Amino acid sequence: MSSVFLLIFLMLCAGLAAWLFFLWAIKSGQYDDVEGPKYRMLDDKDEDEAKRTPGVEPDNKTIAERRNEHERRVE
């Protein structure tokens, strides 16, 4: 019977530890932006980099246009 009480006590300690870890994660900002990553991958990196790099303008070309330019340069 004492092993049952020990297991109950250990499970309560594990539950408390999980709850404290969850509270720490919330306070440290782990759940602040849940939706952002799935939209961030859709952003055009070239435009973002061009905004940060002075003197570089985004070219606004499609992937097919860039592939055609590359094929012309290779030939």
PDB file of N, CA and C in Angstrom:
ATOM      1  N   MET A   1       0.811  -1.190   0.000  1.00  0.00           N
ATOM      2  CA  MET A   1       0.000   0.000   0.000  1.00  0.00           C
ATOM      3  C   MET A   1       0.858   1.260   0.000  1.00  0.00           C
ATOM      4  N   SER A   2       2.017   1.149   0.629  1.00  0.00           N
ATOM      5  CA  SER A   2       2.885   2.321   0.678  1.00  0.00           C
ATOM      6  C   SER A   2       3.429   2.664  -0.715  1.00  0.00           C
ATOM      7  N   SER A   3       3.582   1.638  -1.587  1.00  0.00           N
ATOM      8  CA  SER A   3       4.058   1.922  -2.938  1.00  0.00           C
ATOM      9  C   SER A   3       3.012   2.709  -3.737  1.00  0.00           C
ATOM     10  N   VAL A   4       1.732   2.508  -3.461  1.00  0.00           N
ATOM     11  CA  VAL A   4       0.671   3.268  -4.130  1.00  0.00           C
ATOM     12  C   VAL A   4       0.765   4.735  -3.740  1.00  0.00           C
ATOM     13  N   PHE A   5       0.964   4.993  -2.449  1.00  0.00           N
ATOM     14  CA  PHE A   5       1.101   6.374  -1.988  1.00  0.00           C
ATOM     15  C   PHE A   5       2.347   7.021  -2.574  1.00  0.00           C
ATOM     16  N   LEU A   6       3.411   6.260  -2.686  1.00  0.00           N
ATOM     17  CA  LEU A   6       4.640   6.783  -3.281  1.00  0.00           C
ATOM     18  C   LEU A   6       4.413   7.140  -4.756  1.00  0.00           C
ATOM     19  N   LEU A   7       3.735   6.261  -5.474  1.00  0.00           N
ATOM     20  CA  LEU A   7       3.456   6.541  -6.884  1.00  0.00           C
ATOM     21  C   LEU A   7       2.533   7.746  -7.055  1.00  0.00           C
ATOM     22  N   ILE A   8       1.538   7.878  -6.189  1.00  0.00           N
ATOM     23  CA  ILE A   8       0.650   9.046  -6.238  1.00  0.00           C
ATOM     24  C   ILE A   8       1.452  10.313  -5.988  1.00  0.00           C
ATOM     25  N   PHE A   9       2.324  10.281  -4.993  1.00  0.00           N
ATOM     26  CA  PHE A   9       3.157  11.440  -4.690  1.00  0.00           C
ATOM     27  C   PHE A   9       4.079  11.787  -5.862  1.00  0.00           C
ATOM     28  N   LEU A  10       4.700  10.770  -6.475  1.00  0.00           N
ATOM     29  CA  LEU A  10       5.582  11.021  -7.611  1.00  0.00           C
ATOM     30  C   LEU A  10       4.820  11.591  -8.811  1.00  0.00           C
ATOM     31  N   MET A  11       3.602  11.108  -9.051  1.00  0.00           N
ATOM     32  CA  MET A  11       2.801  11.629 -10.166  1.00  0.00           C
ATOM     33  C   MET A  11       2.370  13.070  -9.914  1.00  0.00           C
ATOM     34  N   LEU A  12       2.062  13.390  -8.657  1.00  0.00           N
ATOM     35  CA  LEU A  12       1.740  14.776  -8.320  1.00  0.00           C
ATOM     36  C   LEU A  12       2.956  15.686  -8.519  1.00  0.00           C
ATOM     37  N   CYS A  13       4.130  15.209  -8.156  1.00  0.00           N
ATOM     38  CA  CYS A  13       5.357  15.986  -8.376  1.00  0.00           C
ATOM     39  C   CYS A  13       5.629  16.171  -9.871  1.00  0.00           C
ATOM     40  N   ALA A  14       5.417  15.126 -10.661  1.00  0.00           N
ATOM     41  CA  ALA A  14       5.621  15.231 -12.106  1.00  0.00           C
ATOM     42  C   ALA A  14       4.617  16.198 -12.731  1.00  0.00           C
ATOM     43  N   GLY A  15       3.369  16.148 -12.269  1.00  0.00           N
ATOM     44  CA  GLY A  15       2.357  17.074 -12.765  1.00  0.00           C
ATOM     45  C   GLY A  15       2.678  18.509 -12.406  1.00  0.00           C
ATOM     46  N   LEU A  16       3.151  18.730 -11.190  1.00  0.00           N
ATOM     47  CA  LEU A  16       3.553  20.078 -10.770  1.00  0.00           C
ATOM     48  C   LEU A  16       4.732  20.570 -11.597  1.00  0.00           C
ATOM     49  N   ALA A  17       5.692  19.703 -11.851  1.00  0.00           N
ATOM     50  CA  ALA A  17       6.843  20.082 -12.664  1.00  0.00           C
ATOM     51  C   ALA A  17       6.410  20.444 -14.090  1.00  0.00           C
ATOM     52  N   ALA A  18       5.491  19.676 -14.653  1.00  0.00           N
ATOM     53  CA  ALA A  18       4.996  19.982 -16.000  1.00  0.00           C
ATOM     54  C   ALA A  18       4.254  21.301 -16.007  1.00  0.00           C
ATOM     55  N   TRP A  19       3.462  21.569 -14.995  1.00  0.00           N
ATOM     56  CA  TRP A  19       2.723  22.831 -14.905  1.00  0.00           C
ATOM     57  C   TRP A  19       3.688  24.010 -14.780  1.00  0.00           C
ATOM     58  N   LEU A  20       4.719  23.888 -13.961  1.00  0.00           N
ATOM     59  CA  LEU A  20       5.713  24.954 -13.820  1.00  0.00           C
ATOM     60  C   LEU A  20       6.469  25.179 -15.129  1.00  0.00           C
ATOM     61  N   PHE A  21       6.787  24.114 -15.840  1.00  0.00           N
ATOM     62  CA  PHE A  21       7.453  24.243 -17.136  1.00  0.00           C
ATOM     63  C   PHE A  21       6.553  24.966 -18.135  1.00  0.00           C
ATOM     64  N   PHE A  22       5.268  24.655 -18.127  1.00  0.00           N
ATOM     65  CA  PHE A  22       4.304  25.314 -18.999  1.00  0.00           C
ATOM     66  C   PHE A  22       4.215  26.807 -18.676  1.00  0.00           C
ATOM     67  N   LEU A  23       4.152  27.142 -17.386  1.00  0.00           N
ATOM     68  CA  LEU A  23       4.112  28.560 -17.000  1.00  0.00           C
ATOM     69  C   LEU A  23       5.382  29.284 -17.415  1.00  0.00           C
ATOM     70  N   TRP A  24       6.519  28.640 -17.277  1.00  0.00           N
ATOM     71  CA  TRP A  24       7.779  29.243 -17.714  1.00  0.00           C
ATOM     72  C   TRP A  24       7.758  29.497 -19.221  1.00  0.00           C
ATOM     73  N   ALA A  25       7.233  28.545 -19.990  1.00  0.00           N
ATOM     74  CA  ALA A  25       7.176  28.697 -21.444  1.00  0.00           C
ATOM     75  C   ALA A  25       6.284  29.868 -21.835  1.00  0.00           C
ATOM     76  N   ILE A  26       5.189  30.051 -21.142  1.00  0.00           N
ATOM     77  CA  ILE A  26       4.306  31.177 -21.445  1.00  0.00           C
ATOM     78  C   ILE A  26       4.984  32.498 -21.108  1.00  0.00           C
ATOM     79  N   LYS A  27       5.624  32.566 -19.953  1.00  0.00           N
ATOM     80  CA  LYS A  27       6.267  33.809 -19.533  1.00  0.00           C
ATOM     81  C   LYS A  27       7.472  34.154 -20.396  1.00  0.00           C
ATOM     82  N   SER A  28       8.142  33.153 -20.954  1.00  0.00           N
ATOM     83  CA  SER A  28       9.323  33.434 -21.776  1.00  0.00           C
ATOM     84  C   SER A  28       8.960  33.725 -23.227  1.00  0.00           C
ATOM     85  N   GLY A  29       7.661  33.663 -23.578  1.00  0.00           N
ATOM     86  CA  GLY A  29       7.233  34.056 -24.908  1.00  0.00           C
ATOM     87  C   GLY A  29       7.233  32.944 -25.935  1.00  0.00           C
ATOM     88  N   GLN A  30       7.214  31.701 -25.512  1.00  0.00           N
ATOM     89  CA  GLN A  30       7.241  30.597 -26.460  1.00  0.00           C
ATOM     90  C   GLN A  30       5.960  30.505 -27.275  1.00  0.00           C
ATOM     91  N   TYR A  31       4.848  31.008 -26.752  1.00  0.00           N
ATOM     92  CA  TYR A  31       3.565  30.895 -27.441  1.00  0.00           C
ATOM     93  C   TYR A  31       3.061  32.248 -27.952  1.00  0.00           C
ATOM     94  N   ASP A  32       3.930  33.243 -28.069  1.00  0.00           N
ATOM     95  CA  ASP A  32       3.485  34.570 -28.478  1.00  0.00           C
ATOM     96  C   ASP A  32       2.979  34.603 -29.908  1.00  0.00           C
ATOM     97  N   ASP A  33       3.726  34.030 -30.839  1.00  0.00           N
ATOM     98  CA  ASP A  33       3.360  34.107 -32.248  1.00  0.00           C
ATOM     99  C   ASP A  33       3.224  32.698 -32.812  1.00  0.00           C
ATOM    100  N   VAL A  34       2.043  32.139 -32.670  1.00  0.00           N
ATOM    101  CA  VAL A  34       1.810  30.774 -33.126  1.00  0.00           C
ATOM    102  C   VAL A  34       1.542  30.761 -34.635  1.00  0.00           C
ATOM    103  N   GLU A  35       0.910  31.804 -35.159  1.00  0.00           N
ATOM    104  CA  GLU A  35       0.517  31.843 -36.564  1.00  0.00           C
ATOM    105  C   GLU A  35       1.634  32.346 -37.485  1.00  0.00           C
ATOM    106  N   GLY A  36       2.611  33.047 -36.957  1.00  0.00           N
ATOM    107  CA  GLY A  36       3.621  33.698 -37.780  1.00  0.00           C
ATOM    108  C   GLY A  36       4.459  32.798 -38.670  1.00  0.00           C
ATOM    109  N   PRO A  37       4.994  31.684 -38.175  1.00  0.00           N
ATOM    110  CA  PRO A  37       5.886  30.874 -39.007  1.00  0.00           C
ATOM    111  C   PRO A  37       5.254  30.351 -40.289  1.00  0.00           C
ATOM    112  N   LYS A  38       3.977  30.011 -40.258  1.00  0.00           N
ATOM    113  CA  LYS A  38       3.379  29.468 -41.480  1.00  0.00           C
ATOM    114  C   LYS A  38       3.182  30.545 -42.535  1.00  0.00           C
ATOM    115  N   TYR A  39       3.103  31.826 -42.132  1.00  0.00           N
ATOM    116  CA  TYR A  39       3.010  32.900 -43.114  1.00  0.00           C
ATOM    117  C   TYR A  39       4.391  33.425 -43.495  1.00  0.00           C
ATOM    118  N   ARG A  40       5.345  33.296 -42.594  1.00  0.00           N
ATOM    119  CA  ARG A  40       6.691  33.787 -42.857  1.00  0.00           C
ATOM    120  C   ARG A  40       7.340  33.039 -44.013  1.00  0.00           C
ATOM    121  N   MET A  41       7.018  31.757 -44.177  1.00  0.00           N
ATOM    122  CA  MET A  41       7.623  30.992 -45.259  1.00  0.00           C
ATOM    123  C   MET A  41       7.084  31.423 -46.619  1.00  0.00           C
ATOM    124  N   LEU A  42       5.953  32.123 -46.642  1.00  0.00           N
ATOM    125  CA  LEU A  42       5.392  32.597 -47.903  1.00  0.00           C
ATOM    126  C   LEU A  42       5.947  33.962 -48.320  1.00  0.00           C
ATOM    127  N   ASP A  43       6.637  34.637 -47.420  1.00  0.00           N
ATOM    128  CA  ASP A  43       7.193  35.941 -47.748  1.00  0.00           C
ATOM    129  C   ASP A  43       8.295  35.799 -48.778  1.00  0.00           C
ATOM    130  N   ASP A  44       8.418  36.823 -49.633  1.00  0.00           N
ATOM    131  CA  ASP A  44       9.462  36.826 -50.636  1.00  0.00           C
ATOM    132  C   ASP A  44      10.751  37.326 -50.005  1.00  0.00           C
ATOM    133  N   LYS A  45      11.713  36.457 -49.887  1.00  0.00           N
ATOM    134  CA  LYS A  45      12.959  36.802 -49.210  1.00  0.00           C
ATOM    135  C   LYS A  45      13.752  37.870 -49.974  1.00  0.00           C
ATOM    136  N   ASP A  46      13.651  37.866 -51.305  1.00  0.00           N
ATOM    137  CA  ASP A  46      14.415  38.828 -52.098  1.00  0.00           C
ATOM    138  C   ASP A  46      14.009  40.256 -51.767  1.00  0.00           C
ATOM    139  N   GLU A  47      12.725  40.512 -51.639  1.00  0.00           N
ATOM    140  CA  GLU A  47      12.272  41.856 -51.319  1.00  0.00           C
ATOM    141  C   GLU A  47      12.712  42.261 -49.923  1.00  0.00           C
ATOM    142  N   ASP A  48      12.638  41.337 -48.966  1.00  0.00           N
ATOM    143  CA  ASP A  48      13.056  41.653 -47.609  1.00  0.00           C
ATOM    144  C   ASP A  48      14.549  41.962 -47.561  1.00  0.00           C
ATOM    145  N   GLU A  49      15.356  41.168 -48.259  1.00  0.00           N
ATOM    146  CA  GLU A  49      16.795  41.403 -48.267  1.00  0.00           C
ATOM    147  C   GLU A  49      17.133  42.704 -48.990  1.00  0.00           C
ATOM    148  N   ALA A  50      16.392  43.014 -50.040  1.00  0.00           N
ATOM    149  CA  ALA A  50      16.655  44.246 -50.784  1.00  0.00           C
ATOM    150  C   ALA A  50      16.314  45.463 -49.937  1.00  0.00           C
ATOM    151  N   LYS A  51      15.311  45.368 -49.112  1.00  0.00           N
ATOM    152  CA  LYS A  51      14.965  46.484 -48.237  1.00  0.00           C
ATOM    153  C   LYS A  51      16.064  46.722 -47.213  1.00  0.00           C
ATOM    154  N   ARG A  52      16.725  45.656 -46.789  1.00  0.00           N
ATOM    155  CA  ARG A  52      17.781  45.802 -45.795  1.00  0.00           C
ATOM    156  C   ARG A  52      19.117  46.169 -46.422  1.00  0.00           C
ATOM    157  N   THR A  53      19.291  45.871 -47.713  1.00  0.00           N
ATOM    158  CA  THR A  53      20.561  46.152 -48.367  1.00  0.00           C
ATOM    159  C   THR A  53      20.453  47.473 -49.128  1.00  0.00           C
ATOM    160  N   PRO A  54      21.197  48.487 -48.742  1.00  0.00           N
ATOM    161  CA  PRO A  54      21.092  49.765 -49.445  1.00  0.00           C
ATOM    162  C   PRO A  54      21.624  49.660 -50.875  1.00  0.00           C
ATOM    163  N   GLY A  55      20.912  50.283 -51.800  1.00  0.00           N
ATOM    164  CA  GLY A  55      21.349  50.310 -53.187  1.00  0.00           C
ATOM    165  C   GLY A  55      20.904  49.128 -54.016  1.00  0.00           C
ATOM    166  N   VAL A  56      20.179  48.171 -53.445  1.00  0.00           N
ATOM    167  CA  VAL A  56      19.719  46.996 -54.182  1.00  0.00           C
ATOM    168  C   VAL A  56      18.204  47.077 -54.294  1.00  0.00           C
ATOM    169  N   GLU A  57      17.702  47.023 -55.508  1.00  0.00           N
ATOM    170  CA  GLU A  57      16.265  47.081 -55.756  1.00  0.00           C
ATOM    171  C   GLU A  57      15.740  45.680 -56.057  1.00  0.00           C
ATOM    172  N   PRO A  58      14.536  45.325 -55.592  1.00  0.00           N
ATOM    173  CA  PRO A  58      13.961  44.031 -55.961  1.00  0.00           C
ATOM    174  C   PRO A  58      13.580  44.036 -57.436  1.00  0.00           C
ATOM    175  N   ASP A  59      13.764  42.911 -58.117  1.00  0.00           N
ATOM    176  CA  ASP A  59      13.516  42.880 -59.555  1.00  0.00           C
ATOM    177  C   ASP A  59      12.095  42.466 -59.922  1.00  0.00           C
ATOM    178  N   ASN A  60      11.318  41.916 -58.981  1.00  0.00           N
ATOM    179  CA  ASN A  60       9.919  41.533 -59.199  1.00  0.00           C
ATOM    180  C   ASN A  60       9.742  40.618 -60.405  1.00  0.00           C
ATOM    181  N   LYS A  61      10.662  39.718 -60.653  1.00  0.00           N
ATOM    182  CA  LYS A  61      10.563  38.777 -61.761  1.00  0.00           C
ATOM    183  C   LYS A  61      10.002  37.450 -61.259  1.00  0.00           C
ATOM    184  N   THR A  62       9.297  36.769 -62.128  1.00  0.00           N
ATOM    185  CA  THR A  62       8.760  35.472 -61.756  1.00  0.00           C
ATOM    186  C   THR A  62       9.864  34.425 -61.843  1.00  0.00           C
ATOM    187  N   ILE A  63       9.578  33.259 -61.320  1.00  0.00           N
ATOM    188  CA  ILE A  63      10.562  32.175 -61.349  1.00  0.00           C
ATOM    189  C   ILE A  63      10.850  31.766 -62.786  1.00  0.00           C
ATOM    190  N   ALA A  64       9.814  31.739 -63.640  1.00  0.00           N
ATOM    191  CA  ALA A  64      10.014  31.361 -65.042  1.00  0.00           C
ATOM    192  C   ALA A  64      10.910  32.369 -65.748  1.00  0.00           C
ATOM    193  N   GLU A  65      10.718  33.660 -65.479  1.00  0.00           N
ATOM    194  CA  GLU A  65      11.580  34.679 -66.096  1.00  0.00           C
ATOM    195  C   GLU A  65      13.028  34.514 -65.649  1.00  0.00           C
ATOM    196  N   ARG A  66      13.235  34.237 -64.371  1.00  0.00           N
ATOM    197  CA  ARG A  66      14.608  34.048 -63.885  1.00  0.00           C
ATOM    198  C   ARG A  66      15.248  32.803 -64.502  1.00  0.00           C
ATOM    199  N   ARG A  67      14.456  31.726 -64.652  1.00  0.00           N
ATOM    200  CA  ARG A  67      14.984  30.503 -65.260  1.00  0.00           C
ATOM    201  C   ARG A  67      15.363  30.761 -66.714  1.00  0.00           C
ATOM    202  N   ASN A  68      14.520  31.503 -67.445  1.00  0.00           N
ATOM    203  CA  ASN A  68      14.830  31.819 -68.842  1.00  0.00           C
ATOM    204  C   ASN A  68      16.098  32.647 -68.955  1.00  0.00           C
ATOM    205  N   GLU A  69      16.271  33.620 -68.069  1.00  0.00           N
ATOM    206  CA  GLU A  69      17.502  34.426 -68.081  1.00  0.00           C
ATOM    207  C   GLU A  69      18.714  33.548 -67.815  1.00  0.00           C
ATOM    208  N   HIS A  70      18.583  32.655 -66.860  1.00  0.00           N
ATOM    209  CA  HIS A  70      19.712  31.775 -66.529  1.00  0.00           C
ATOM    210  C   HIS A  70      20.053  30.864 -67.718  1.00  0.00           C
ATOM    211  N   GLU A  71      19.019  30.334 -68.371  1.00  0.00           N
ATOM    212  CA  GLU A  71      19.285  29.467 -69.528  1.00  0.00           C
ATOM    213  C   GLU A  71      19.952  30.236 -70.652  1.00  0.00           C
ATOM    214  N   ARG A  72      19.553  31.494 -70.861  1.00  0.00           N
ATOM    215  CA  ARG A  72      20.189  32.312 -71.893  1.00  0.00           C
ATOM    216  C   ARG A  72      21.655  32.575 -71.552  1.00  0.00           C
ATOM    217  N   ARG A  73      21.954  32.789 -70.269  1.00  0.00           N
ATOM    218  CA  ARG A  73      23.338  33.053 -69.882  1.00  0.00           C
ATOM    219  C   ARG A  73      24.197  31.808 -70.028  1.00  0.00           C
ATOM    220  N   VAL A  74      23.625  30.644 -69.751  1.00  0.00           N
ATOM    221  CA  VAL A  74      24.373  29.397 -69.813  1.00  0.00           C
ATOM    222  C   VAL A  74      24.704  29.041 -71.255  1.00  0.00           C
ATOM    223  N   GLU A  75      23.773  29.296 -72.164  1.00  0.00           N
ATOM    224  CA  GLU A  75      23.992  28.956 -73.586  1.00  0.00           C
ATOM    225  C   GLU A  75      24.997  29.844 -74.180  1.00  0.00           C
TER     226      GLU A  75
END
